[in-house]
PDB file of N, CA and C in Angstrom:
ATOM      1  N   MET A   1      32.401 150.879  89.577  1.00  0.00           N
ATOM      2  CA  MET A   1      31.827 151.152  88.440  1.00  0.00           C
ATOM      3  C   MET A   1      31.821 150.625  87.022  1.00  0.00           C
ATOM      4  N   THR A   2      31.037 149.666  85.941  1.00  0.00           N
ATOM      5  CA  THR A   2      31.863 149.223  85.003  1.00  0.00           C
ATOM      6  C   THR A   2      30.793 150.187  83.802  1.00  0.00           C
ATOM      7  N   ASN A   3      31.600 150.108  82.768  1.00  0.00           N
ATOM      8  CA  ASN A   3      31.082 150.594  81.561  1.00  0.00           C
ATOM      9  C   ASN A   3      30.994 149.202  80.409  1.00  0.00           C
ATOM     10  N   ARG A   4      30.136 149.432  79.852  1.00  0.00           N
ATOM     11  CA  ARG A   4      29.525 148.004  79.016  1.00  0.00           C
ATOM     12  C   ARG A   4      29.969 149.439  77.478  1.00  0.00           C
ATOM     13  N   LYS A   5      30.578 148.517  76.978  1.00  0.00           N
ATOM     14  CA  LYS A   5      30.935 148.434  75.173  1.00  0.00           C
ATOM     15  C   LYS A   5      30.362 147.370  74.805  1.00  0.00           C
ATOM     16  N   THR A   6      29.806 147.945  73.728  1.00  0.00           N
ATOM     17  CA  THR A   6      28.707 147.091  72.772  1.00  0.00           C
ATOM     18  C   THR A   6      29.034 146.970  71.298  1.00  0.00           C
ATOM     19  N   TRP A   7      29.573 146.189  70.654  1.00  0.00           N
ATOM     20  CA  TRP A   7      29.745 146.272  69.350  1.00  0.00           C
ATOM     21  C   TRP A   7      29.429 144.914  68.484  1.00  0.00           C
ATOM     22  N   THR A   8      29.255 144.988  67.064  1.00  0.00           N
ATOM     23  CA  THR A   8      28.412 143.945  65.912  1.00  0.00           C
ATOM     24  C   THR A   8      29.450 143.982  64.866  1.00  0.00           C
ATOM     25  N   GLU A   9      29.726 142.550  64.611  1.00  0.00           N
ATOM     26  CA  GLU A   9      30.477 142.214  63.899  1.00  0.00           C
ATOM     27  C   GLU A   9      30.264 141.091  62.624  1.00  0.00           C
ATOM     28  N   GLU A  10      30.426 141.283  61.632  1.00  0.00           N
ATOM     29  CA  GLU A  10      29.451 140.240  60.557  1.00  0.00           C
ATOM     30  C   GLU A  10      30.997 139.546  59.990  1.00  0.00           C
ATOM     31  N   ILE A  11      30.440 138.299  60.001  1.00  0.00           N
ATOM     32  CA  ILE A  11      31.479 137.569  59.139  1.00  0.00           C
ATOM     33  C   ILE A  11      30.680 136.509  58.308  1.00  0.00           C
ATOM     34  N   GLU A  12      31.667 135.972  57.155  1.00  0.00           N
ATOM     35  CA  GLU A  12      31.185 134.642  57.001  1.00  0.00           C
ATOM     36  C   GLU A  12      31.623 133.441  56.689  1.00  0.00           C
ATOM     37  N   VAL A  13      30.328 132.433  56.678  1.00  0.00           N
ATOM     38  CA  VAL A  13      31.265 131.307  57.287  1.00  0.00           C
ATOM     39  C   VAL A  13      30.576 130.651  56.437  1.00  0.00           C
ATOM     40  N   ASN A  14      31.456 129.135  55.713  1.00  0.00           N
ATOM     41  CA  ASN A  14      31.128 128.300  55.034  1.00  0.00           C
ATOM     42  C   ASN A  14      30.376 126.998  55.661  1.00  0.00           C
ATOM     43  N   ALA A  15      28.855 126.380  55.235  1.00  0.00           N
ATOM     44  CA  ALA A  15      28.194 125.953  55.984  1.00  0.00           C
ATOM     45  C   ALA A  15      28.314 124.611  56.545  1.00  0.00           C
ATOM     46  N   ARG A  16      29.521 124.171  56.263  1.00  0.00           N
ATOM     47  CA  ARG A  16      29.926 122.795  56.611  1.00  0.00           C
ATOM     48  C   ARG A  16      30.468 123.489  57.825  1.00  0.00           C
ATOM     49  N   ASP A  17      31.069 124.481  58.420  1.00  0.00           N
ATOM     50  CA  ASP A  17      31.672 125.396  59.527  1.00  0.00           C
ATOM     51  C   ASP A  17      30.758 125.909  60.803  1.00  0.00           C
ATOM     52  N   ILE A  18      29.335 126.038  60.552  1.00  0.00           N
ATOM     53  CA  ILE A  18      28.648 126.434  61.153  1.00  0.00           C
ATOM     54  C   ILE A  18      28.966 125.928  62.671  1.00  0.00           C
ATOM     55  N   ILE A  19      29.051 124.806  62.854  1.00  0.00           N
ATOM     56  CA  ILE A  19      28.874 124.018  64.373  1.00  0.00           C
ATOM     57  C   ILE A  19      29.921 124.346  64.908  1.00  0.00           C
ATOM     58  N   GLU A  20      31.613 123.998  64.299  1.00  0.00           N
ATOM     59  CA  GLU A  20      32.507 124.843  65.252  1.00  0.00           C
ATOM     60  C   GLU A  20      32.542 125.904  65.630  1.00  0.00           C
ATOM     61  N   LYS A  21      32.039 126.834  64.417  1.00  0.00           N
ATOM     62  CA  LYS A  21      32.211 128.319  64.841  1.00  0.00           C
ATOM     63  C   LYS A  21      31.213 128.814  66.061  1.00  0.00           C
ATOM     64  N   ILE A  22      30.166 128.091  65.568  1.00  0.00           N
ATOM     65  CA  ILE A  22      29.415 128.477  67.018  1.00  0.00           C
ATOM     66  C   ILE A  22      29.443 128.125  68.387  1.00  0.00           C
ATOM     67  N   LYS A  23      29.764 126.806  68.237  1.00  0.00           N
ATOM     68  CA  LYS A  23      31.332 126.499  69.413  1.00  0.00           C
ATOM     69  C   LYS A  23      32.256 127.237  69.586  1.00  0.00           C
ATOM     70  N   ASP A  24      33.126 127.780  69.289  1.00  0.00           N
ATOM     71  CA  ASP A  24      33.984 128.811  69.153  1.00  0.00           C
ATOM     72  C   ASP A  24      33.351 129.845  69.969  1.00  0.00           C
ATOM     73  N   LEU A  25      32.562 130.889  69.043  1.00  0.00           N
ATOM     74  CA  LEU A  25      32.424 131.733  69.448  1.00  0.00           C
ATOM     75  C   LEU A  25      31.670 131.792  70.616  1.00  0.00           C
ATOM     76  N   ILE A  26      31.102 130.950  71.284  1.00  0.00           N
ATOM     77  CA  ILE A  26      30.515 130.725  72.660  1.00  0.00           C
ATOM     78  C   ILE A  26      31.735 130.642  73.967  1.00  0.00           C
ATOM     79  N   GLN A  27      32.325 130.149  73.471  1.00  0.00           N
ATOM     80  CA  GLN A  27      33.619 129.689  74.179  1.00  0.00           C
ATOM     81  C   GLN A  27      34.433 131.443  74.609  1.00  0.00           C
ATOM     82  N   GLU A  28      34.585 131.806  73.855  1.00  0.00           N
ATOM     83  CA  GLU A  28      34.982 133.492  73.899  1.00  0.00           C
ATOM     84  C   GLU A  28      34.459 134.021  75.072  1.00  0.00           C
ATOM     85  N   GLY A  29      33.297 133.978  75.378  1.00  0.00           N
ATOM     86  CA  GLY A  29      32.432 134.309  76.509  1.00  0.00           C
ATOM     87  C   GLY A  29      32.087 135.624  76.379  1.00  0.00           C
ATOM     88  N   ASN A  30      32.414 136.690  75.717  1.00  0.00           N
ATOM     89  CA  ASN A  30      31.878 138.008  75.511  1.00  0.00           C
ATOM     90  C   ASN A  30      30.995 138.506  74.237  1.00  0.00           C
ATOM     91  N   VAL A  31      30.162 136.919  73.715  1.00  0.00           N
ATOM     92  CA  VAL A  31      29.066 136.815  72.796  1.00  0.00           C
ATOM     93  C   VAL A  31      27.827 136.861  73.001  1.00  0.00           C
ATOM     94  N   ARG A  32      27.008 138.385  72.857  1.00  0.00           N
ATOM     95  CA  ARG A  32      25.403 138.094  73.883  1.00  0.00           C
ATOM     96  C   ARG A  32      24.383 137.801  73.216  1.00  0.00           C
ATOM     97  N   ARG A  33      24.645 137.991  71.714  1.00  0.00           N
ATOM     98  CA  ARG A  33      23.824 137.631  70.886  1.00  0.00           C
ATOM     99  C   ARG A  33      24.543 137.376  69.979  1.00  0.00           C
ATOM    100  N   LEU A  34      23.484 135.782  68.819  1.00  0.00           N
ATOM    101  CA  LEU A  34      24.358 135.501  68.031  1.00  0.00           C
ATOM    102  C   LEU A  34      23.135 135.269  66.908  1.00  0.00           C
ATOM    103  N   ILE A  35      23.511 135.980  65.195  1.00  0.00           N
ATOM    104  CA  ILE A  35      22.491 136.082  64.529  1.00  0.00           C
ATOM    105  C   ILE A  35      22.845 135.322  63.394  1.00  0.00           C
ATOM    106  N   ILE A  36      22.327 133.905  62.895  1.00  0.00           N
ATOM    107  CA  ILE A  36      22.399 133.358  61.733  1.00  0.00           C
ATOM    108  C   ILE A  36      21.820 133.797  60.722  1.00  0.00           C
ATOM    109  N   LYS A  37      22.608 134.233  59.672  1.00  0.00           N
ATOM    110  CA  LYS A  37      21.405 134.786  58.582  1.00  0.00           C
ATOM    111  C   LYS A  37      21.632 133.956  57.163  1.00  0.00           C
ATOM    112  N   LYS A  38      21.243 133.704  55.813  1.00  0.00           N
ATOM    113  CA  LYS A  38      21.386 132.882  54.761  1.00  0.00           C
ATOM    114  C   LYS A  38      22.750 134.161  53.955  1.00  0.00           C
ATOM    115  N   GLU A  39      22.764 133.587  52.920  1.00  0.00           N
ATOM    116  CA  GLU A  39      23.366 134.660  52.179  1.00  0.00           C
ATOM    117  C   GLU A  39      23.019 135.955  51.718  1.00  0.00           C
ATOM    118  N   ASN A  40      21.791 136.353  51.078  1.00  0.00           N
ATOM    119  CA  ASN A  40      20.823 136.513  51.351  1.00  0.00           C
ATOM    120  C   ASN A  40      20.655 137.422  52.257  1.00  0.00           C
ATOM    121  N   GLY A  41      20.541 137.394  53.395  1.00  0.00           N
ATOM    122  CA  GLY A  41      20.437 137.811  54.479  1.00  0.00           C
ATOM    123  C   GLY A  41      18.750 137.429  55.517  1.00  0.00           C
ATOM    124  N   ASP A  42      18.260 136.715  54.422  1.00  0.00           N
ATOM    125  CA  ASP A  42      17.319 135.781  55.442  1.00  0.00           C
ATOM    126  C   ASP A  42      17.723 135.261  56.529  1.00  0.00           C
ATOM    127  N   LEU A  43      17.126 136.037  57.691  1.00  0.00           N
ATOM    128  CA  LEU A  43      17.357 135.254  59.124  1.00  0.00           C
ATOM    129  C   LEU A  43      16.750 133.909  58.833  1.00  0.00           C
ATOM    130  N   LEU A  44      18.062 133.422  59.760  1.00  0.00           N
ATOM    131  CA  LEU A  44      17.648 131.872  59.669  1.00  0.00           C
ATOM    132  C   LEU A  44      17.642 131.490  61.519  1.00  0.00           C
ATOM    133  N   LEU A  45      18.189 132.270  62.579  1.00  0.00           N
ATOM    134  CA  LEU A  45      18.638 131.828  64.052  1.00  0.00           C
ATOM    135  C   LEU A  45      19.056 132.705  64.598  1.00  0.00           C
ATOM    136  N   GLU A  46      18.646 133.602  65.596  1.00  0.00           N
ATOM    137  CA  GLU A  46      19.288 134.443  66.805  1.00  0.00           C
ATOM    138  C   GLU A  46      18.980 133.654  68.012  1.00  0.00           C
ATOM    139  N   VAL A  47      20.090 133.687  68.211  1.00  0.00           N
ATOM    140  CA  VAL A  47      20.440 132.976  69.716  1.00  0.00           C
ATOM    141  C   VAL A  47      20.640 134.343  70.930  1.00  0.00           C
ATOM    142  N   PRO A  48      20.049 134.551  71.547  1.00  0.00           N
ATOM    143  CA  PRO A  48      20.735 135.368  72.764  1.00  0.00           C
ATOM    144  C   PRO A  48      21.488 134.706  73.639  1.00  0.00           C
ATOM    145  N   LEU A  49      22.947 134.768  74.213  1.00  0.00           N
ATOM    146  CA  LEU A  49      23.249 133.949  75.156  1.00  0.00           C
ATOM    147  C   LEU A  49      23.676 134.775  76.326  1.00  0.00           C
ATOM    148  N   THR A  50      23.681 134.371  77.599  1.00  0.00           N
ATOM    149  CA  THR A  50      23.620 134.797  78.616  1.00  0.00           C
ATOM    150  C   THR A  50      24.462 134.807  79.282  1.00  0.00           C
ATOM    151  N   THR A  51      25.253 136.484  79.937  1.00  0.00           N
ATOM    152  CA  THR A  51      26.063 136.563  80.360  1.00  0.00           C
ATOM    153  C   THR A  51      26.264 135.667  81.683  1.00  0.00           C
ATOM    154  N   GLY A  52      27.284 135.240  81.585  1.00  0.00           N
ATOM    155  CA  GLY A  52      27.889 134.043  83.017  1.00  0.00           C
ATOM    156  C   GLY A  52      27.681 132.430  82.688  1.00  0.00           C
ATOM    157  N   VAL A  53      26.883 132.343  81.345  1.00  0.00           N
ATOM    158  CA  VAL A  53      26.543 131.230  81.359  1.00  0.00           C
ATOM    159  C   VAL A  53      27.807 129.767  81.110  1.00  0.00           C
ATOM    160  N   VAL A  54      27.864 128.961  81.713  1.00  0.00           N
ATOM    161  CA  VAL A  54      29.551 128.378  81.640  1.00  0.00           C
ATOM    162  C   VAL A  54      29.087 127.348  80.413  1.00  0.00           C
ATOM    163  N   ALA A  55      30.329 127.741  79.105  1.00  0.00           N
ATOM    164  CA  ALA A  55      30.440 127.586  78.095  1.00  0.00           C
ATOM    165  C   ALA A  55      29.601 125.809  78.217  1.00  0.00           C
ATOM    166  N   GLY A  56      30.109 125.485  78.085  1.00  0.00           N
ATOM    167  CA  GLY A  56      29.497 123.955  78.396  1.00  0.00           C
ATOM    168  C   GLY A  56      28.472 123.567  78.006  1.00  0.00           C
ATOM    169  N   GLY A  57      27.797 124.229  79.091  1.00  0.00           N
ATOM    170  CA  GLY A  57      26.349 124.239  79.829  1.00  0.00           C
ATOM    171  C   GLY A  57      25.333 125.257  78.658  1.00  0.00           C
ATOM    172  N   ILE A  58      25.724 125.887  78.064  1.00  0.00           N
ATOM    173  CA  ILE A  58      24.585 126.787  76.770  1.00  0.00           C
ATOM    174  C   ILE A  58      25.282 125.627  75.129  1.00  0.00           C
ATOM    175  N   VAL A  59      26.249 125.363  75.524  1.00  0.00           N
ATOM    176  CA  VAL A  59      26.558 124.605  74.232  1.00  0.00           C
ATOM    177  C   VAL A  59      25.417 123.174  74.335  1.00  0.00           C
ATOM    178  N   THR A  60      25.594 122.690  75.497  1.00  0.00           N
ATOM    179  CA  THR A  60      24.404 121.890  75.854  1.00  0.00           C
ATOM    180  C   THR A  60      23.028 121.998  75.663  1.00  0.00           C
ATOM    181  N   LEU A  61      22.503 123.523  75.957  1.00  0.00           N
ATOM    182  CA  LEU A  61      21.234 124.029  75.910  1.00  0.00           C
ATOM    183  C   LEU A  61      21.199 124.564  74.412  1.00  0.00           C
ATOM    184  N   VAL A  62      21.531 124.482  73.829  1.00  0.00           N
ATOM    185  CA  VAL A  62      21.380 124.426  72.337  1.00  0.00           C
ATOM    186  C   VAL A  62      21.815 123.533  70.940  1.00  0.00           C
ATOM    187  N   ALA A  63      22.598 122.558  71.933  1.00  0.00           N
ATOM    188  CA  ALA A  63      22.599 121.283  71.481  1.00  0.00           C
ATOM    189  C   ALA A  63      21.175 120.775  70.020  1.00  0.00           C
ATOM    190  N   PRO A  64      20.191 120.969  70.056  1.00  0.00           N
ATOM    191  CA  PRO A  64      19.208 120.901  69.646  1.00  0.00           C
ATOM    192  C   PRO A  64      18.975 122.014  68.457  1.00  0.00           C
ATOM    193  N   VAL A  65      19.392 123.496  68.434  1.00  0.00           N
ATOM    194  CA  VAL A  65      19.188 123.811  67.170  1.00  0.00           C
ATOM    195  C   VAL A  65      21.148 123.581  66.448  1.00  0.00           C
ATOM    196  N   LEU A  66      21.606 123.118  67.154  1.00  0.00           N
ATOM    197  CA  LEU A  66      22.622 122.955  66.255  1.00  0.00           C
ATOM    198  C   LEU A  66      22.654 121.974  65.454  1.00  0.00           C
ATOM    199  N   ALA A  67      21.835 120.840  66.401  1.00  0.00           N
ATOM    200  CA  ALA A  67      21.699 119.697  65.023  1.00  0.00           C
ATOM    201  C   ALA A  67      20.763 120.123  64.171  1.00  0.00           C
ATOM    202  N   ALA A  68      19.671 121.119  64.241  1.00  0.00           N
ATOM    203  CA  ALA A  68      18.467 122.012  62.954  1.00  0.00           C
ATOM    204  C   ALA A  68      19.672 122.222  61.824  1.00  0.00           C
ATOM    205  N   LEU A  69      20.436 123.096  62.707  1.00  0.00           N
ATOM    206  CA  LEU A  69      21.541 123.806  61.725  1.00  0.00           C
ATOM    207  C   LEU A  69      22.307 122.911  60.711  1.00  0.00           C
ATOM    208  N   GLY A  70      22.848 121.954  61.564  1.00  0.00           N
ATOM    209  CA  GLY A  70      24.237 120.845  60.947  1.00  0.00           C
ATOM    210  C   GLY A  70      22.873 120.289  59.534  1.00  0.00           C
ATOM    211  N   ALA A  71      21.997 120.234  59.636  1.00  0.00           N
ATOM    212  CA  ALA A  71      21.390 119.378  58.876  1.00  0.00           C
ATOM    213  C   ALA A  71      20.764 120.405  57.641  1.00  0.00           C
ATOM    214  N   MET A  72      20.374 121.558  57.704  1.00  0.00           N
ATOM    215  CA  MET A  72      20.641 122.768  57.014  1.00  0.00           C
ATOM    216  C   MET A  72      21.921 122.998  56.256  1.00  0.00           C
ATOM    217  N   ALA A  73      22.726 122.867  56.790  1.00  0.00           N
ATOM    218  CA  ALA A  73      24.192 123.349  56.421  1.00  0.00           C
ATOM    219  C   ALA A  73      24.001 122.488  54.785  1.00  0.00           C
ATOM    220  N   ALA A  74      23.665 121.264  54.408  1.00  0.00           N
ATOM    221  CA  ALA A  74      23.574 120.208  53.601  1.00  0.00           C
ATOM    222  C   ALA A  74      23.082 121.305  52.210  1.00  0.00           C
ATOM    223  N   LEU A  75      21.895 122.214  52.529  1.00  0.00           N
ATOM    224  CA  LEU A  75      21.001 122.972  51.500  1.00  0.00           C
ATOM    225  C   LEU A  75      21.850 123.953  51.459  1.00  0.00           C
ATOM    226  N   LEU A  76      22.975 124.598  52.398  1.00  0.00           N
ATOM    227  CA  LEU A  76      23.592 125.840  52.019  1.00  0.00           C
ATOM    228  C   LEU A  76      25.078 126.004  51.947  1.00  0.00           C
ATOM    229  N   THR A  77      25.442 126.757  51.190  1.00  0.00           N
ATOM    230  CA  THR A  77      26.784 126.899  51.110  1.00  0.00           C
ATOM    231  C   THR A  77      27.494 127.981  51.933  1.00  0.00           C
ATOM    232  N   LYS A  78      26.479 128.738  51.895  1.00  0.00           N
ATOM    233  CA  LYS A  78      27.355 129.644  53.344  1.00  0.00           C
ATOM    234  C   LYS A  78      26.181 130.330  54.203  1.00  0.00           C
ATOM    235  N   VAL A  79      26.785 130.708  55.139  1.00  0.00           N
ATOM    236  CA  VAL A  79      25.881 131.552  55.621  1.00  0.00           C
ATOM    237  C   VAL A  79      26.458 133.364  56.819  1.00  0.00           C
ATOM    238  N   LYS A  80      25.889 133.955  56.999  1.00  0.00           N
ATOM    239  CA  LYS A  80      26.689 135.378  57.614  1.00  0.00           C
ATOM    240  C   LYS A  80      26.442 135.390  59.031  1.00  0.00           C
ATOM    241  N   PHE A  81      27.088 135.180  60.151  1.00  0.00           N
ATOM    242  CA  PHE A  81      27.070 135.239  61.425  1.00  0.00           C
ATOM    243  C   PHE A  81      27.305 136.764  61.748  1.00  0.00           C
ATOM    244  N   GLU A  82      25.900 137.438  62.335  1.00  0.00           N
ATOM    245  CA  GLU A  82      26.054 138.316  63.194  1.00  0.00           C
ATOM    246  C   GLU A  82      26.188 138.599  64.294  1.00  0.00           C
ATOM    247  N   ILE A  83      27.107 139.248  64.760  1.00  0.00           N
ATOM    248  CA  ILE A  83      27.927 138.562  66.192  1.00  0.00           C
ATOM    249  C   ILE A  83      27.324 139.695  66.944  1.00  0.00           C
ATOM    250  N   VAL A  84      26.642 140.039  68.343  1.00  0.00           N
ATOM    251  CA  VAL A  84      27.571 141.396  69.316  1.00  0.00           C
ATOM    252  C   VAL A  84      27.884 140.790  70.038  1.00  0.00           C
ATOM    253  N   ARG A  85      28.916 141.373  70.928  1.00  0.00           N
ATOM    254  CA  ARG A  85      29.591 141.444  71.594  1.00  0.00           C
ATOM    255  C   ARG A  85      29.322 142.141  72.643  1.00  0.00           C
ATOM    256  N   VAL A  86      29.767 142.427  73.831  1.00  0.00           N
ATOM    257  CA  VAL A  86      29.369 143.115  75.252  1.00  0.00           C
ATOM    258  C   VAL A  86      31.377 143.140  75.850  1.00  0.00           C
ATOM    259  N   GLU A  87      31.959 144.284  75.842  1.00  0.00           N
ATOM    260  CA  GLU A  87      33.097 143.595  76.681  1.00  0.00           C
ATOM    261  C   GLU A  87      32.837 145.375  78.351  1.00  0.00           C
ATOM    262  N   GLU A  88      33.232 144.629  79.363  1.00  0.00           N
ATOM    263  CA  GLU A  88      32.993 145.192  80.188  1.00  0.00           C
ATOM    264  C   GLU A  88      34.333 146.017  80.403  1.00  0.00           C
ATOM    265  N   GLU A  89      34.713 147.561  81.265  1.00  0.00           N
ATOM    266  CA  GLU A  89      35.533 148.167  81.713  1.00  0.00           C
ATOM    267  C   GLU A  89      35.317 148.466  83.265  1.00  0.00           C
ATOM    268  N   LYS A  90      36.318 147.931  83.760  1.00  0.00           N
ATOM    269  CA  LYS A  90      36.345 148.896  85.041  1.00  0.00           C
ATOM    270  C   LYS A  90      36.341 150.670  85.160  1.00  0.00           C
ATOM    271  N   ILE A  91      35.638 151.312  85.381  1.00  0.00           N
ATOM    272  CA  ILE A  91      35.990 153.227  85.514  1.00  0.00           C
ATOM    273  C   ILE A  91      36.780 153.199  87.043  1.00  0.00           C
ATOM    274  N   LYS A  92      37.582 153.806  86.983  1.00  0.00           N
ATOM    275  CA  LYS A  92      38.389 154.054  88.164  1.00  0.00           C
ATOM    276  C   LYS A  92      37.648 155.749  88.632  1.00  0.00           C
ATOM    277  N   GLU A  93      36.762 155.533  89.736  1.00  0.00           N
ATOM    278  CA  GLU A  93      35.925 156.101  90.450  1.00  0.00           C
ATOM    279  C   GLU A  93      37.299 157.224  90.533  1.00  0.00           C
ATOM    280  N   LYS A  94      36.625 158.731  91.017  1.00  0.00           N
ATOM    281  CA  LYS A  94      37.384 159.773  91.339  1.00  0.00           C
ATOM    282  C   LYS A  94      37.276 159.848  92.517  1.00  0.00           C
ATOM    283  N   LYS A  95      37.823 160.366  93.323  1.00  0.00           N
ATOM    284  CA  LYS A  95      37.856 160.594  95.141  1.00  0.00           C
ATOM    285  C   LYS A  95      37.561 162.336  94.857  1.00  0.00           C
ATOM    286  N   ASP A  96      36.931 163.201  96.176  1.00  0.00           N
ATOM    287  CA  ASP A  96      36.729 164.284  96.370  1.00  0.00           C
ATOM    288  C   ASP A  96      38.017 165.507  95.728  1.00  0.00           C
ATOM    289  N   ASP A  97      39.287 164.428  96.524  1.00  0.00           N
ATOM    290  CA  ASP A  97      40.683 165.434  96.556  1.00  0.00           C
ATOM    291  C   ASP A  97      41.104 165.478  95.155  1.00  0.00           C
ATOM    292  N   GLU A  98      40.740 164.126  94.514  1.00  0.00           N
ATOM    293  CA  GLU A  98      41.041 164.172  92.434  1.00  0.00           C
ATOM    294  C   GLU A  98      40.753 165.544  91.772  1.00  0.00           C
ATOM    295  N   LYS A  99      41.592 165.919  91.028  1.00  0.00           N
ATOM    296  CA  LYS A  99      41.394 166.939  89.852  1.00  0.00           C
ATOM    297  C   LYS A  99      40.997 166.169  88.448  1.00  0.00           C
TER     298      LYS A  99
END
């Protein structure tokens, strides 16, 4: 049996570092959703990342989006990343004879 913990963190990234940061987050493997916002909070992009996707494969799938973000980086100074992570824990099931 597994128990899922979901949490969100927000980080600020220099626009010139957008592509590398996204690649790093994808490779971490526990990121389930990535929300990219302008400094003022306006939504730029929301990317759901599927469980179990091979990191290289997902980078290839979002390559056109990464290219567009790279072009946008020339117009922006900083962006905010809202990162939704999921951690699965295995729960030890109690047997009938355990208290």
